Amino acid sequence: MNKVKTVMTVDDEPELLILIARILEANGYRAIKAENGQKCLEKLKEEVPDVILLDVLMPGLATKEILSAIEKDSRLSDVKIILLSAVHPSDAEEKGLLAGKQVVDFIEKSFTARRLIDTIERVID
């Protein structure tokens, strides 16, 4: 029997967190929500998701710091990270975010539910 895959969404927009969680759950995924980078790292101490959807622009911890903390934790070495952002991928690339070892894709906001699920399915398989 296949284990239900878990996806953590890290975003400072509460409505988007709820929307993504609903989309994930409707497609058979278990959803974890984190409102910022600090909450993300706290929740990662308790459980290891299969995929993290990580917003690029949030107050508090910089995305680079979050990525660095995840990379340093050996328990999280298999976690795939998909960046979410309203910024263009080239802006994220300039900041060195796409160079993260575990960063596997980038989804520009606003996106469709289909694009989100297709991307998650591709990186999990």
PDB file of N, CA and C in Angstrom:
ATOM      1  N   MET A   1       0.838  -1.192   0.000  1.00  0.00           N
ATOM      2  CA  MET A   1       0.000   0.000   0.000  1.00  0.00           C
ATOM      3  C   MET A   1       0.877   1.247   0.000  1.00  0.00           C
ATOM      4  N   ASN A   2       0.542   2.197  -0.831  1.00  0.00           N
ATOM      5  CA  ASN A   2       1.326   3.423  -0.924  1.00  0.00           C
ATOM      6  C   ASN A   2       1.051   4.341   0.256  1.00  0.00           C
ATOM      7  N   LYS A   3       2.128   4.897   0.777  1.00  0.00           N
ATOM      8  CA  LYS A   3       2.019   5.875   1.858  1.00  0.00           C
ATOM      9  C   LYS A   3       1.508   7.190   1.268  1.00  0.00           C
ATOM     10  N   VAL A   4       0.618   7.847   2.011  1.00  0.00           N
ATOM     11  CA  VAL A   4       0.120   9.150   1.565  1.00  0.00           C
ATOM     12  C   VAL A   4       1.287  10.128   1.592  1.00  0.00           C
ATOM     13  N   LYS A   5       1.485  10.837   0.493  1.00  0.00           N
ATOM     14  CA  LYS A   5       2.574  11.802   0.397  1.00  0.00           C
ATOM     15  C   LYS A   5       2.180  13.089   1.115  1.00  0.00           C
ATOM     16  N   THR A   6       3.160  13.699   1.758  1.00  0.00           N
ATOM     17  CA  THR A   6       2.935  14.911   2.539  1.00  0.00           C
ATOM     18  C   THR A   6       3.613  16.101   1.875  1.00  0.00           C
ATOM     19  N   VAL A   7       2.871  17.204   1.788  1.00  0.00           N
ATOM     20  CA  VAL A   7       3.400  18.429   1.204  1.00  0.00           C
ATOM     21  C   VAL A   7       3.251  19.551   2.227  1.00  0.00           C
ATOM     22  N   MET A   8       4.375  20.221   2.527  1.00  0.00           N
ATOM     23  CA  MET A   8       4.337  21.377   3.412  1.00  0.00           C
ATOM     24  C   MET A   8       4.332  22.633   2.547  1.00  0.00           C
ATOM     25  N   THR A   9       3.401  23.531   2.834  1.00  0.00           N
ATOM     26  CA  THR A   9       3.370  24.824   2.150  1.00  0.00           C
ATOM     27  C   THR A   9       3.808  25.895   3.130  1.00  0.00           C
ATOM     28  N   VAL A  10       4.769  26.722   2.705  1.00  0.00           N
ATOM     29  CA  VAL A  10       5.279  27.804   3.537  1.00  0.00           C
ATOM     30  C   VAL A  10       4.991  29.109   2.805  1.00  0.00           C
ATOM     31  N   ASP A  11       4.052  29.885   3.347  1.00  0.00           N
ATOM     32  CA  ASP A  11       3.651  31.133   2.700  1.00  0.00           C
ATOM     33  C   ASP A  11       3.048  32.052   3.747  1.00  0.00           C
ATOM     34  N   ASP A  12       3.306  33.346   3.600  1.00  0.00           N
ATOM     35  CA  ASP A  12       2.791  34.306   4.586  1.00  0.00           C
ATOM     36  C   ASP A  12       1.395  34.808   4.251  1.00  0.00           C
ATOM     37  N   GLU A  13       0.794  34.302   3.176  1.00  0.00           N
ATOM     38  CA  GLU A  13      -0.583  34.680   2.823  1.00  0.00           C
ATOM     39  C   GLU A  13      -1.540  33.601   3.324  1.00  0.00           C
ATOM     40  N   PRO A  14      -2.296  33.872   4.406  1.00  0.00           N
ATOM     41  CA  PRO A  14      -3.169  32.848   4.996  1.00  0.00           C
ATOM     42  C   PRO A  14      -4.176  32.248   4.008  1.00  0.00           C
ATOM     43  N   GLU A  15      -4.746  33.088   3.139  1.00  0.00           N
ATOM     44  CA  GLU A  15      -5.739  32.582   2.186  1.00  0.00           C
ATOM     45  C   GLU A  15      -5.109  31.582   1.217  1.00  0.00           C
ATOM     46  N   LEU A  16      -3.887  31.877   0.795  1.00  0.00           N
ATOM     47  CA  LEU A  16      -3.195  30.983  -0.128  1.00  0.00           C
ATOM     48  C   LEU A  16      -2.844  29.665   0.556  1.00  0.00           C
ATOM     49  N   LEU A  17      -2.440  29.723   1.812  1.00  0.00           N
ATOM     50  CA  LEU A  17      -2.153  28.493   2.568  1.00  0.00           C
ATOM     51  C   LEU A  17      -3.382  27.586   2.608  1.00  0.00           C
ATOM     52  N   ILE A  18      -4.529  28.184   2.902  1.00  0.00           N
ATOM     53  CA  ILE A  18      -5.781  27.412   2.975  1.00  0.00           C
ATOM     54  C   ILE A  18      -6.146  26.848   1.608  1.00  0.00           C
ATOM     55  N   LEU A  19      -6.046  27.669   0.578  1.00  0.00           N
ATOM     56  CA  LEU A  19      -6.379  27.231  -0.785  1.00  0.00           C
ATOM     57  C   LEU A  19      -5.486  26.076  -1.228  1.00  0.00           C
ATOM     58  N   ILE A  20      -4.187  26.215  -1.034  1.00  0.00           N
ATOM     59  CA  ILE A  20      -3.263  25.143  -1.446  1.00  0.00           C
ATOM     60  C   ILE A  20      -3.534  23.873  -0.653  1.00  0.00           C
ATOM     61  N   ALA A  21      -3.799  23.997   0.647  1.00  0.00           N
ATOM     62  CA  ALA A  21      -4.107  22.817   1.467  1.00  0.00           C
ATOM     63  C   ALA A  21      -5.339  22.098   0.930  1.00  0.00           C
ATOM     64  N   ARG A  22      -6.356  22.852   0.545  1.00  0.00           N
ATOM     65  CA  ARG A  22      -7.572  22.234  -0.021  1.00  0.00           C
ATOM     66  C   ARG A  22      -7.279  21.519  -1.331  1.00  0.00           C
ATOM     67  N   ILE A  23      -6.486  22.154  -2.190  1.00  0.00           N
ATOM     68  CA  ILE A  23      -6.121  21.541  -3.472  1.00  0.00           C
ATOM     69  C   ILE A  23      -5.345  20.243  -3.221  1.00  0.00           C
ATOM     70  N   LEU A  24      -4.388  20.300  -2.315  1.00  0.00           N
ATOM     71  CA  LEU A  24      -3.581  19.112  -2.013  1.00  0.00           C
ATOM     72  C   LEU A  24      -4.443  17.977  -1.473  1.00  0.00           C
ATOM     73  N   GLU A  25      -5.279  18.295  -0.484  1.00  0.00           N
ATOM     74  CA  GLU A  25      -6.117  17.264   0.135  1.00  0.00           C
ATOM     75  C   GLU A  25      -7.111  16.684  -0.861  1.00  0.00           C
ATOM     76  N   ALA A  26      -7.649  17.503  -1.760  1.00  0.00           N
ATOM     77  CA  ALA A  26      -8.581  17.019  -2.781  1.00  0.00           C
ATOM     78  C   ALA A  26      -7.891  16.075  -3.776  1.00  0.00           C
ATOM     79  N   ASN A  27      -6.568  16.161  -3.835  1.00  0.00           N
ATOM     80  CA  ASN A  27      -5.805  15.311  -4.744  1.00  0.00           C
ATOM     81  C   ASN A  27      -5.042  14.203  -4.013  1.00  0.00           C
ATOM     82  N   GLY A  28      -5.443  13.921  -2.779  1.00  0.00           N
ATOM     83  CA  GLY A  28      -4.913  12.777  -2.054  1.00  0.00           C
ATOM     84  C   GLY A  28      -3.620  13.003  -1.293  1.00  0.00           C
ATOM     85  N   TYR A  29      -3.224  14.252  -1.112  1.00  0.00           N
ATOM     86  CA  TYR A  29      -2.014  14.553  -0.354  1.00  0.00           C
ATOM     87  C   TYR A  29      -2.370  14.985   1.056  1.00  0.00           C
ATOM     88  N   ARG A  30      -1.429  14.811   1.964  1.00  0.00           N
ATOM     89  CA  ARG A  30      -1.565  15.346   3.311  1.00  0.00           C
ATOM     90  C   ARG A  30      -0.896  16.716   3.302  1.00  0.00           C
ATOM     91  N   ALA A  31      -1.569  17.725   3.826  1.00  0.00           N
ATOM     92  CA  ALA A  31      -1.064  19.095   3.778  1.00  0.00           C
ATOM     93  C   ALA A  31      -0.619  19.569   5.159  1.00  0.00           C
ATOM     94  N   ILE A  32       0.549  20.204   5.181  1.00  0.00           N
ATOM     95  CA  ILE A  32       1.051  20.872   6.382  1.00  0.00           C
ATOM     96  C   ILE A  32       1.211  22.339   6.001  1.00  0.00           C
ATOM     97  N   LYS A  33       0.774  23.231   6.899  1.00  0.00           N
ATOM     98  CA  LYS A  33       0.874  24.665   6.612  1.00  0.00           C
ATOM     99  C   LYS A  33       1.846  25.325   7.591  1.00  0.00           C
ATOM    100  N   ALA A  34       2.681  26.230   7.044  1.00  0.00           N
ATOM    101  CA  ALA A  34       3.576  27.034   7.877  1.00  0.00           C
ATOM    102  C   ALA A  34       3.492  28.470   7.382  1.00  0.00           C
ATOM    103  N   GLU A  35       3.265  29.397   8.310  1.00  0.00           N
ATOM    104  CA  GLU A  35       3.022  30.801   7.954  1.00  0.00           C
ATOM    105  C   GLU A  35       4.295  31.586   7.657  1.00  0.00           C
ATOM    106  N   ASN A  36       5.455  31.021   8.015  1.00  0.00           N
ATOM    107  CA  ASN A  36       6.718  31.720   7.767  1.00  0.00           C
ATOM    108  C   ASN A  36       7.869  30.722   7.881  1.00  0.00           C
ATOM    109  N   GLY A  37       9.077  31.225   7.619  1.00  0.00           N
ATOM    110  CA  GLY A  37      10.244  30.356   7.629  1.00  0.00           C
ATOM    111  C   GLY A  37      10.537  29.750   8.987  1.00  0.00           C
ATOM    112  N   GLN A  38      10.359  30.526  10.055  1.00  0.00           N
ATOM    113  CA  GLN A  38      10.615  30.022  11.405  1.00  0.00           C
ATOM    114  C   GLN A  38       9.673  28.869  11.738  1.00  0.00           C
ATOM    115  N   LYS A  39       8.380  29.038  11.423  1.00  0.00           N
ATOM    116  CA  LYS A  39       7.398  27.967  11.674  1.00  0.00           C
ATOM    117  C   LYS A  39       7.738  26.727  10.833  1.00  0.00           C
ATOM    118  N   CYS A  40       8.188  26.958   9.612  1.00  0.00           N
ATOM    119  CA  CYS A  40       8.588  25.867   8.728  1.00  0.00           C
ATOM    120  C   CYS A  40       9.680  25.032   9.405  1.00  0.00           C
ATOM    121  N   LEU A  41      10.723  25.684   9.868  1.00  0.00           N
ATOM    122  CA  LEU A  41      11.840  24.963  10.487  1.00  0.00           C
ATOM    123  C   LEU A  41      11.410  24.262  11.777  1.00  0.00           C
ATOM    124  N   GLU A  42      10.502  24.886  12.539  1.00  0.00           N
ATOM    125  CA  GLU A  42       9.988  24.245  13.760  1.00  0.00           C
ATOM    126  C   GLU A  42       9.217  22.974  13.410  1.00  0.00           C
ATOM    127  N   LYS A  43       8.350  23.062  12.398  1.00  0.00           N
ATOM    128  CA  LYS A  43       7.540  21.894  12.020  1.00  0.00           C
ATOM    129  C   LYS A  43       8.406  20.783  11.423  1.00  0.00           C
ATOM    130  N   LEU A  44       9.508  21.166  10.752  1.00  0.00           N
ATOM    131  CA  LEU A  44      10.401  20.162  10.167  1.00  0.00           C
ATOM    132  C   LEU A  44      11.132  19.359  11.236  1.00  0.00           C
ATOM    133  N   LYS A  45      11.196  19.869  12.464  1.00  0.00           N
ATOM    134  CA  LYS A  45      11.799  19.112  13.561  1.00  0.00           C
ATOM    135  C   LYS A  45      10.900  17.943  13.954  1.00  0.00           C
ATOM    136  N   GLU A  46       9.580  18.108  13.719  1.00  0.00           N
ATOM    137  CA  GLU A  46       8.603  17.099  14.116  1.00  0.00           C
ATOM    138  C   GLU A  46       8.300  16.091  13.016  1.00  0.00           C
ATOM    139  N   GLU A  47       8.290  16.556  11.772  1.00  0.00           N
ATOM    140  CA  GLU A  47       8.007  15.624  10.689  1.00  0.00           C
ATOM    141  C   GLU A  47       8.667  16.048   9.389  1.00  0.00           C
ATOM    142  N   VAL A  48       8.871  15.057   8.523  1.00  0.00           N
ATOM    143  CA  VAL A  48       9.576  15.267   7.264  1.00  0.00           C
ATOM    144  C   VAL A  48       8.603  15.076   6.102  1.00  0.00           C
ATOM    145  N   PRO A  49       8.276  16.157   5.400  1.00  0.00           N
ATOM    146  CA  PRO A  49       7.371  16.033   4.253  1.00  0.00           C
ATOM    147  C   PRO A  49       8.123  15.483   3.028  1.00  0.00           C
ATOM    148  N   ASP A  50       7.380  15.102   2.014  1.00  0.00           N
ATOM    149  CA  ASP A  50       7.992  14.659   0.757  1.00  0.00           C
ATOM    150  C   ASP A  50       8.406  15.865  -0.079  1.00  0.00           C
ATOM    151  N   VAL A  51       7.579  16.913  -0.011  1.00  0.00           N
ATOM    152  CA  VAL A  51       7.797  18.117  -0.811  1.00  0.00           C
ATOM    153  C   VAL A  51       7.514  19.340   0.051  1.00  0.00           C
ATOM    154  N   ILE A  52       8.287  20.408  -0.185  1.00  0.00           N
ATOM    155  CA  ILE A  52       8.003  21.696   0.447  1.00  0.00           C
ATOM    156  C   ILE A  52       7.736  22.709  -0.661  1.00  0.00           C
ATOM    157  N   LEU A  53       6.586  23.383  -0.573  1.00  0.00           N
ATOM    158  CA  LEU A  53       6.267  24.507  -1.452  1.00  0.00           C
ATOM    159  C   LEU A  53       6.683  25.749  -0.670  1.00  0.00           C
ATOM    160  N   LEU A  54       7.715  26.426  -1.129  1.00  0.00           N
ATOM    161  CA  LEU A  54       8.315  27.503  -0.346  1.00  0.00           C
ATOM    162  C   LEU A  54       8.204  28.842  -1.070  1.00  0.00           C
ATOM    163  N   ASP A  55       7.466  29.757  -0.448  1.00  0.00           N
ATOM    164  CA  ASP A  55       7.344  31.110  -0.987  1.00  0.00           C
ATOM    165  C   ASP A  55       8.712  31.785  -0.913  1.00  0.00           C
ATOM    166  N   VAL A  56       9.049  32.536  -1.957  1.00  0.00           N
ATOM    167  CA  VAL A  56      10.350  33.191  -2.024  1.00  0.00           C
ATOM    168  C   VAL A  56      10.390  34.475  -1.200  1.00  0.00           C
ATOM    169  N   LEU A  57       9.306  35.250  -1.228  1.00  0.00           N
ATOM    170  CA  LEU A  57       9.297  36.544  -0.539  1.00  0.00           C
ATOM    171  C   LEU A  57       8.393  36.506   0.685  1.00  0.00           C
ATOM    172  N   MET A  58       9.027  36.409   1.872  1.00  0.00           N
ATOM    173  CA  MET A  58       8.273  36.416   3.123  1.00  0.00           C
ATOM    174  C   MET A  58       9.030  37.256   4.134  1.00  0.00           C
ATOM    175  N   PRO A  59       8.304  37.871   5.077  1.00  0.00           N
ATOM    176  CA  PRO A  59       9.006  38.573   6.158  1.00  0.00           C
ATOM    177  C   PRO A  59       9.701  37.555   7.062  1.00  0.00           C
ATOM    178  N   GLY A  60      10.679  38.012   7.798  1.00  0.00           N
ATOM    179  CA  GLY A  60      11.382  37.112   8.719  1.00  0.00           C
ATOM    180  C   GLY A  60      12.580  36.471   8.044  1.00  0.00           C
ATOM    181  N   LEU A  61      12.746  35.185   8.287  1.00  0.00           N
ATOM    182  CA  LEU A  61      13.885  34.457   7.731  1.00  0.00           C
ATOM    183  C   LEU A  61      13.917  34.566   6.210  1.00  0.00           C
ATOM    184  N   ALA A  62      15.085  34.833   5.664  1.00  0.00           N
ATOM    185  CA  ALA A  62      15.242  34.886   4.207  1.00  0.00           C
ATOM    186  C   ALA A  62      15.162  33.477   3.636  1.00  0.00           C
ATOM    187  N   THR A  63      14.682  33.371   2.418  1.00  0.00           N
ATOM    188  CA  THR A  63      14.546  32.062   1.765  1.00  0.00           C
ATOM    189  C   THR A  63      15.882  31.325   1.754  1.00  0.00           C
ATOM    190  N   LYS A  64      16.948  32.052   1.498  1.00  0.00           N
ATOM    191  CA  LYS A  64      18.280  31.424   1.468  1.00  0.00           C
ATOM    192  C   LYS A  64      18.618  30.780   2.819  1.00  0.00           C
ATOM    193  N   GLU A  65      18.232  31.438   3.918  1.00  0.00           N
ATOM    194  CA  GLU A  65      18.482  30.887   5.255  1.00  0.00           C
ATOM    195  C   GLU A  65      17.671  29.605   5.477  1.00  0.00           C
ATOM    196  N   ILE A  66      16.437  29.614   5.015  1.00  0.00           N
ATOM    197  CA  ILE A  66      15.575  28.431   5.155  1.00  0.00           C
ATOM    198  C   ILE A  66      16.174  27.275   4.356  1.00  0.00           C
ATOM    199  N   LEU A  67      16.550  27.545   3.106  1.00  0.00           N
ATOM    200  CA  LEU A  67      17.144  26.509   2.254  1.00  0.00           C
ATOM    201  C   LEU A  67      18.423  25.959   2.891  1.00  0.00           C
ATOM    202  N   SER A  68      19.241  26.834   3.434  1.00  0.00           N
ATOM    203  CA  SER A  68      20.499  26.423   4.063  1.00  0.00           C
ATOM    204  C   SER A  68      20.234  25.521   5.273  1.00  0.00           C
ATOM    205  N   ALA A  69      19.269  25.897   6.106  1.00  0.00           N
ATOM    206  CA  ALA A  69      18.932  25.093   7.286  1.00  0.00           C
ATOM    207  C   ALA A  69      18.425  23.709   6.880  1.00  0.00           C
ATOM    208  N   ILE A  70      17.623  23.652   5.824  1.00  0.00           N
ATOM    209  CA  ILE A  70      17.096  22.365   5.336  1.00  0.00           C
ATOM    210  C   ILE A  70      18.244  21.505   4.811  1.00  0.00           C
ATOM    211  N   GLU A  71      19.139  22.101   4.035  1.00  0.00           N
ATOM    212  CA  GLU A  71      20.266  21.346   3.467  1.00  0.00           C
ATOM    213  C   GLU A  71      21.187  20.794   4.547  1.00  0.00           C
ATOM    214  N   LYS A  72      21.321  21.494   5.666  1.00  0.00           N
ATOM    215  CA  LYS A  72      22.219  21.058   6.739  1.00  0.00           C
ATOM    216  C   LYS A  72      21.643  19.921   7.572  1.00  0.00           C
ATOM    217  N   ASP A  73      20.339  19.687   7.484  1.00  0.00           N
ATOM    218  CA  ASP A  73      19.679  18.654   8.285  1.00  0.00           C
ATOM    219  C   ASP A  73      19.608  17.356   7.480  1.00  0.00           C
ATOM    220  N   SER A  74      20.403  16.371   7.872  1.00  0.00           N
ATOM    221  CA  SER A  74      20.482  15.117   7.113  1.00  0.00           C
ATOM    222  C   SER A  74      19.134  14.386   7.028  1.00  0.00           C
ATOM    223  N   ARG A  75      18.262  14.591   8.024  1.00  0.00           N
ATOM    224  CA  ARG A  75      16.937  13.942   7.976  1.00  0.00           C
ATOM    225  C   ARG A  75      16.114  14.449   6.799  1.00  0.00           C
ATOM    226  N   LEU A  76      16.444  15.652   6.309  1.00  0.00           N
ATOM    227  CA  LEU A  76      15.655  16.295   5.256  1.00  0.00           C
ATOM    228  C   LEU A  76      16.295  16.164   3.870  1.00  0.00           C
ATOM    229  N   SER A  77      17.307  15.325   3.753  1.00  0.00           N
ATOM    230  CA  SER A  77      18.074  15.265   2.495  1.00  0.00           C
ATOM    231  C   SER A  77      17.251  14.807   1.287  1.00  0.00           C
ATOM    232  N   ASP A  78      16.176  14.068   1.511  1.00  0.00           N
ATOM    233  CA  ASP A  78      15.350  13.597   0.381  1.00  0.00           C
ATOM    234  C   ASP A  78      14.171  14.513   0.071  1.00  0.00           C
ATOM    235  N   VAL A  79      13.990  15.564   0.854  1.00  0.00           N
ATOM    236  CA  VAL A  79      12.860  16.474   0.655  1.00  0.00           C
ATOM    237  C   VAL A  79      13.100  17.316  -0.599  1.00  0.00           C
ATOM    238  N   LYS A  80      12.108  17.343  -1.474  1.00  0.00           N
ATOM    239  CA  LYS A  80      12.169  18.160  -2.687  1.00  0.00           C
ATOM    240  C   LYS A  80      11.545  19.521  -2.372  1.00  0.00           C
ATOM    241  N   ILE A  81      12.127  20.577  -2.935  1.00  0.00           N
ATOM    242  CA  ILE A  81      11.619  21.921  -2.683  1.00  0.00           C
ATOM    243  C   ILE A  81      11.200  22.563  -3.998  1.00  0.00           C
ATOM    244  N   ILE A  82       9.973  23.063  -4.008  1.00  0.00           N
ATOM    245  CA  ILE A  82       9.451  23.815  -5.150  1.00  0.00           C
ATOM    246  C   ILE A  82       9.251  25.244  -4.668  1.00  0.00           C
ATOM    247  N   LEU A  83       9.919  26.180  -5.314  1.00  0.00           N
ATOM    248  CA  LEU A  83       9.765  27.585  -4.939  1.00  0.00           C
ATOM    249  C   LEU A  83       8.485  28.139  -5.551  1.00  0.00           C
ATOM    250  N   LEU A  84       7.777  28.948  -4.766  1.00  0.00           N
ATOM    251  CA  LEU A  84       6.576  29.646  -5.218  1.00  0.00           C
ATOM    252  C   LEU A  84       6.873  31.131  -5.128  1.00  0.00           C
ATOM    253  N   SER A  85       6.532  31.877  -6.169  1.00  0.00           N
ATOM    254  CA  SER A  85       6.765  33.300  -6.047  1.00  0.00           C
ATOM    255  C   SER A  85       6.071  34.110  -7.115  1.00  0.00           C
ATOM    256  N   ALA A  86       5.798  35.353  -6.743  1.00  0.00           N
ATOM    257  CA  ALA A  86       5.269  36.316  -7.700  1.00  0.00           C
ATOM    258  C   ALA A  86       6.414  36.928  -8.504  1.00  0.00           C
ATOM    259  N   VAL A  87       7.658  36.739  -8.024  1.00  0.00           N
ATOM    260  CA  VAL A  87       8.805  37.256  -8.775  1.00  0.00           C
ATOM    261  C   VAL A  87       9.109  36.318  -9.930  1.00  0.00           C
ATOM    262  N   HIS A  88       9.759  36.832 -10.940  1.00  0.00           N
ATOM    263  CA  HIS A  88      10.120  36.043 -12.111  1.00  0.00           C
ATOM    264  C   HIS A  88      11.243  35.075 -11.742  1.00  0.00           C
ATOM    265  N   PRO A  89      11.259  33.885 -12.357  1.00  0.00           N
ATOM    266  CA  PRO A  89      12.322  32.920 -12.037  1.00  0.00           C
ATOM    267  C   PRO A  89      13.740  33.493 -12.186  1.00  0.00           C
ATOM    268  N   SER A  90      13.941  34.387 -13.131  1.00  0.00           N
ATOM    269  CA  SER A  90      15.288  34.950 -13.299  1.00  0.00           C
ATOM    270  C   SER A  90      15.707  35.781 -12.081  1.00  0.00           C
ATOM    271  N   ASP A  91      14.732  36.427 -11.406  1.00  0.00           N
ATOM    272  CA  ASP A  91      15.041  37.172 -10.182  1.00  0.00           C
ATOM    273  C   ASP A  91      15.484  36.220  -9.070  1.00  0.00           C
ATOM    274  N   ALA A  92      14.792  35.092  -8.963  1.00  0.00           N
ATOM    275  CA  ALA A  92      15.156  34.084  -7.960  1.00  0.00           C
ATOM    276  C   ALA A  92      16.527  33.496  -8.287  1.00  0.00           C
ATOM    277  N   GLU A  93      16.783  33.304  -9.568  1.00  0.00           N
ATOM    278  CA  GLU A  93      18.069  32.758  -9.999  1.00  0.00           C
ATOM    279  C   GLU A  93      19.208  33.720  -9.647  1.00  0.00           C
ATOM    280  N   GLU A  94      18.971  35.017  -9.851  1.00  0.00           N
ATOM    281  CA  GLU A  94      19.970  36.030  -9.518  1.00  0.00           C
ATOM    282  C   GLU A  94      20.317  35.995  -8.030  1.00  0.00           C
ATOM    283  N   LYS A  95      19.328  35.684  -7.199  1.00  0.00           N
ATOM    284  CA  LYS A  95      19.562  35.611  -5.749  1.00  0.00           C
ATOM    285  C   LYS A  95      20.203  34.282  -5.357  1.00  0.00           C
ATOM    286  N   GLY A  96      20.387  33.388  -6.328  1.00  0.00           N
ATOM    287  CA  GLY A  96      21.009  32.096  -6.061  1.00  0.00           C
ATOM    288  C   GLY A  96      20.068  31.067  -5.471  1.00  0.00           C
ATOM    289  N   LEU A  97      18.770  31.347  -5.487  1.00  0.00           N
ATOM    290  CA  LEU A  97      17.805  30.436  -4.856  1.00  0.00           C
ATOM    291  C   LEU A  97      17.608  29.142  -5.640  1.00  0.00           C
ATOM    292  N   LEU A  98      17.686  29.225  -6.961  1.00  0.00           N
ATOM    293  CA  LEU A  98      17.467  28.037  -7.775  1.00  0.00           C
ATOM    294  C   LEU A  98      18.658  27.086  -7.728  1.00  0.00           C
ATOM    295  N   ALA A  99      19.767  27.545  -7.153  1.00  0.00           N
ATOM    296  CA  ALA A  99      20.967  26.714  -7.061  1.00  0.00           C
ATOM    297  C   ALA A  99      20.916  25.771  -5.852  1.00  0.00           C
ATOM    298  N   GLY A 100      19.912  25.935  -5.001  1.00  0.00           N
ATOM    299  CA  GLY A 100      19.782  25.060  -3.840  1.00  0.00           C
ATOM    300  C   GLY A 100      19.737  23.608  -4.271  1.00  0.00           C
ATOM    301  N   LYS A 101      20.470  22.753  -3.549  1.00  0.00           N
ATOM    302  CA  LYS A 101      20.580  21.337  -3.927  1.00  0.00           C
ATOM    303  C   LYS A 101      19.229  20.644  -4.033  1.00  0.00           C
ATOM    304  N   GLN A 102      18.301  21.043  -3.193  1.00  0.00           N
ATOM    305  CA  GLN A 102      17.022  20.345  -3.138  1.00  0.00           C
ATOM    306  C   GLN A 102      15.912  21.060  -3.913  1.00  0.00           C
ATOM    307  N   VAL A 103      16.226  22.232  -4.464  1.00  0.00           N
ATOM    308  CA  VAL A 103      15.243  22.977  -5.243  1.00  0.00           C
ATOM    309  C   VAL A 103      15.090  22.298  -6.605  1.00  0.00           C
ATOM    310  N   VAL A 104      13.878  21.821  -6.881  1.00  0.00           N
ATOM    311  CA  VAL A 104      13.654  21.056  -8.106  1.00  0.00           C
ATOM    312  C   VAL A 104      12.783  21.782  -9.125  1.00  0.00           C
ATOM    313  N   ASP A 105      12.087  22.835  -8.692  1.00  0.00           N
ATOM    314  CA  ASP A 105      11.224  23.547  -9.634  1.00  0.00           C
ATOM    315  C   ASP A 105      10.850  24.904  -9.062  1.00  0.00           C
ATOM    316  N   PHE A 106      10.161  25.661  -9.909  1.00  0.00           N
ATOM    317  CA  PHE A 106       9.745  27.023  -9.567  1.00  0.00           C
ATOM    318  C   PHE A 106       8.359  27.225 -10.164  1.00  0.00           C
ATOM    319  N   ILE A 107       7.402  27.646  -9.352  1.00  0.00           N
ATOM    320  CA  ILE A 107       6.055  27.936  -9.839  1.00  0.00           C
ATOM    321  C   ILE A 107       5.778  29.411  -9.604  1.00  0.00           C
ATOM    322  N   GLU A 108       5.436  30.101 -10.678  1.00  0.00           N
ATOM    323  CA  GLU A 108       5.114  31.519 -10.573  1.00  0.00           C
ATOM    324  C   GLU A 108       3.671  31.696 -10.124  1.00  0.00           C
ATOM    325  N   LYS A 109       3.456  32.618  -9.175  1.00  0.00           N
ATOM    326  CA  LYS A 109       2.088  32.983  -8.784  1.00  0.00           C
ATOM    327  C   LYS A 109       1.575  33.939  -9.844  1.00  0.00           C
ATOM    328  N   SER A 110       0.394  33.890 -10.239  1.00  0.00           N
ATOM    329  CA  SER A 110      -0.651  32.968  -9.850  1.00  0.00           C
ATOM    330  C   SER A 110      -0.602  31.741 -10.757  1.00  0.00           C
ATOM    331  N   PHE A 111      -0.941  30.615 -10.169  1.00  0.00           N
ATOM    332  CA  PHE A 111      -0.853  29.343 -10.877  1.00  0.00           C
ATOM    333  C   PHE A 111      -2.190  28.636 -10.781  1.00  0.00           C
ATOM    334  N   THR A 112      -2.371  27.645 -11.639  1.00  0.00           N
ATOM    335  CA  THR A 112      -3.609  26.866 -11.596  1.00  0.00           C
ATOM    336  C   THR A 112      -3.408  25.666 -10.674  1.00  0.00           C
ATOM    337  N   ALA A 113      -4.503  25.117 -10.190  1.00  0.00           N
ATOM    338  CA  ALA A 113      -4.441  23.916  -9.363  1.00  0.00           C
ATOM    339  C   ALA A 113      -3.778  22.787 -10.153  1.00  0.00           C
ATOM    340  N   ARG A 114      -4.089  22.687 -11.431  1.00  0.00           N
ATOM    341  CA  ARG A 114      -3.525  21.638 -12.282  1.00  0.00           C
ATOM    342  C   ARG A 114      -2.007  21.760 -12.372  1.00  0.00           C
ATOM    343  N   ARG A 115      -1.522  22.986 -12.560  1.00  0.00           N
ATOM    344  CA  ARG A 115      -0.063  23.220 -12.645  1.00  0.00           C
ATOM    345  C   ARG A 115       0.610  22.812 -11.341  1.00  0.00           C
ATOM    346  N   LEU A 116      -0.009  23.158 -10.221  1.00  0.00           N
ATOM    347  CA  LEU A 116       0.535  22.812  -8.910  1.00  0.00           C
ATOM    348  C   LEU A 116       0.637  21.298  -8.746  1.00  0.00           C
ATOM    349  N   ILE A 117      -0.467  20.599  -8.996  1.00  0.00           N
ATOM    350  CA  ILE A 117      -0.499  19.148  -8.816  1.00  0.00           C
ATOM    351  C   ILE A 117       0.426  18.450  -9.815  1.00  0.00           C
ATOM    352  N   ASP A 118       0.430  18.887 -11.062  1.00  0.00           N
ATOM    353  CA  ASP A 118       1.320  18.277 -12.065  1.00  0.00           C
ATOM    354  C   ASP A 118       2.778  18.393 -11.637  1.00  0.00           C
ATOM    355  N   THR A 119       3.147  19.551 -11.122  1.00  0.00           N
ATOM    356  CA  THR A 119       4.539  19.765 -10.698  1.00  0.00           C
ATOM    357  C   THR A 119       4.878  18.867  -9.509  1.00  0.00           C
ATOM    358  N   ILE A 120       3.987  18.797  -8.531  1.00  0.00           N
ATOM    359  CA  ILE A 120       4.225  17.948  -7.354  1.00  0.00           C
ATOM    360  C   ILE A 120       4.341  16.478  -7.774  1.00  0.00           C
ATOM    361  N   GLU A 121       3.428  16.035  -8.621  1.00  0.00           N
ATOM    362  CA  GLU A 121       3.459  14.640  -9.069  1.00  0.00           C
ATOM    363  C   GLU A 121       4.756  14.335  -9.795  1.00  0.00           C
ATOM    364  N   ARG A 122       5.219  15.265 -10.615  1.00  0.00           N
ATOM    365  CA  ARG A 122       6.449  15.036 -11.374  1.00  0.00           C
ATOM    366  C   ARG A 122       7.661  14.924 -10.452  1.00  0.00           C
ATOM    367  N   VAL A 123       7.746  15.779  -9.429  1.00  0.00           N
ATOM    368  CA  VAL A 123       8.935  15.734  -8.566  1.00  0.00           C
ATOM    369  C   VAL A 123       8.900  14.583  -7.552  1.00  0.00           C
ATOM    370  N   ILE A 124       7.712  14.115  -7.222  1.00  0.00           N
ATOM    371  CA  ILE A 124       7.607  12.988  -6.279  1.00  0.00           C
ATOM    372  C   ILE A 124       7.926  11.672  -6.963  1.00  0.00           C
ATOM    373  N   ASP A 125       7.529  11.531  -8.212  1.00  0.00           N
ATOM    374  CA  ASP A 125       7.748  10.244  -8.925  1.00  0.00           C
ATOM    375  C   ASP A 125       9.151  10.073  -9.446  1.00  0.00           C
TER     376      ASP A 125
END
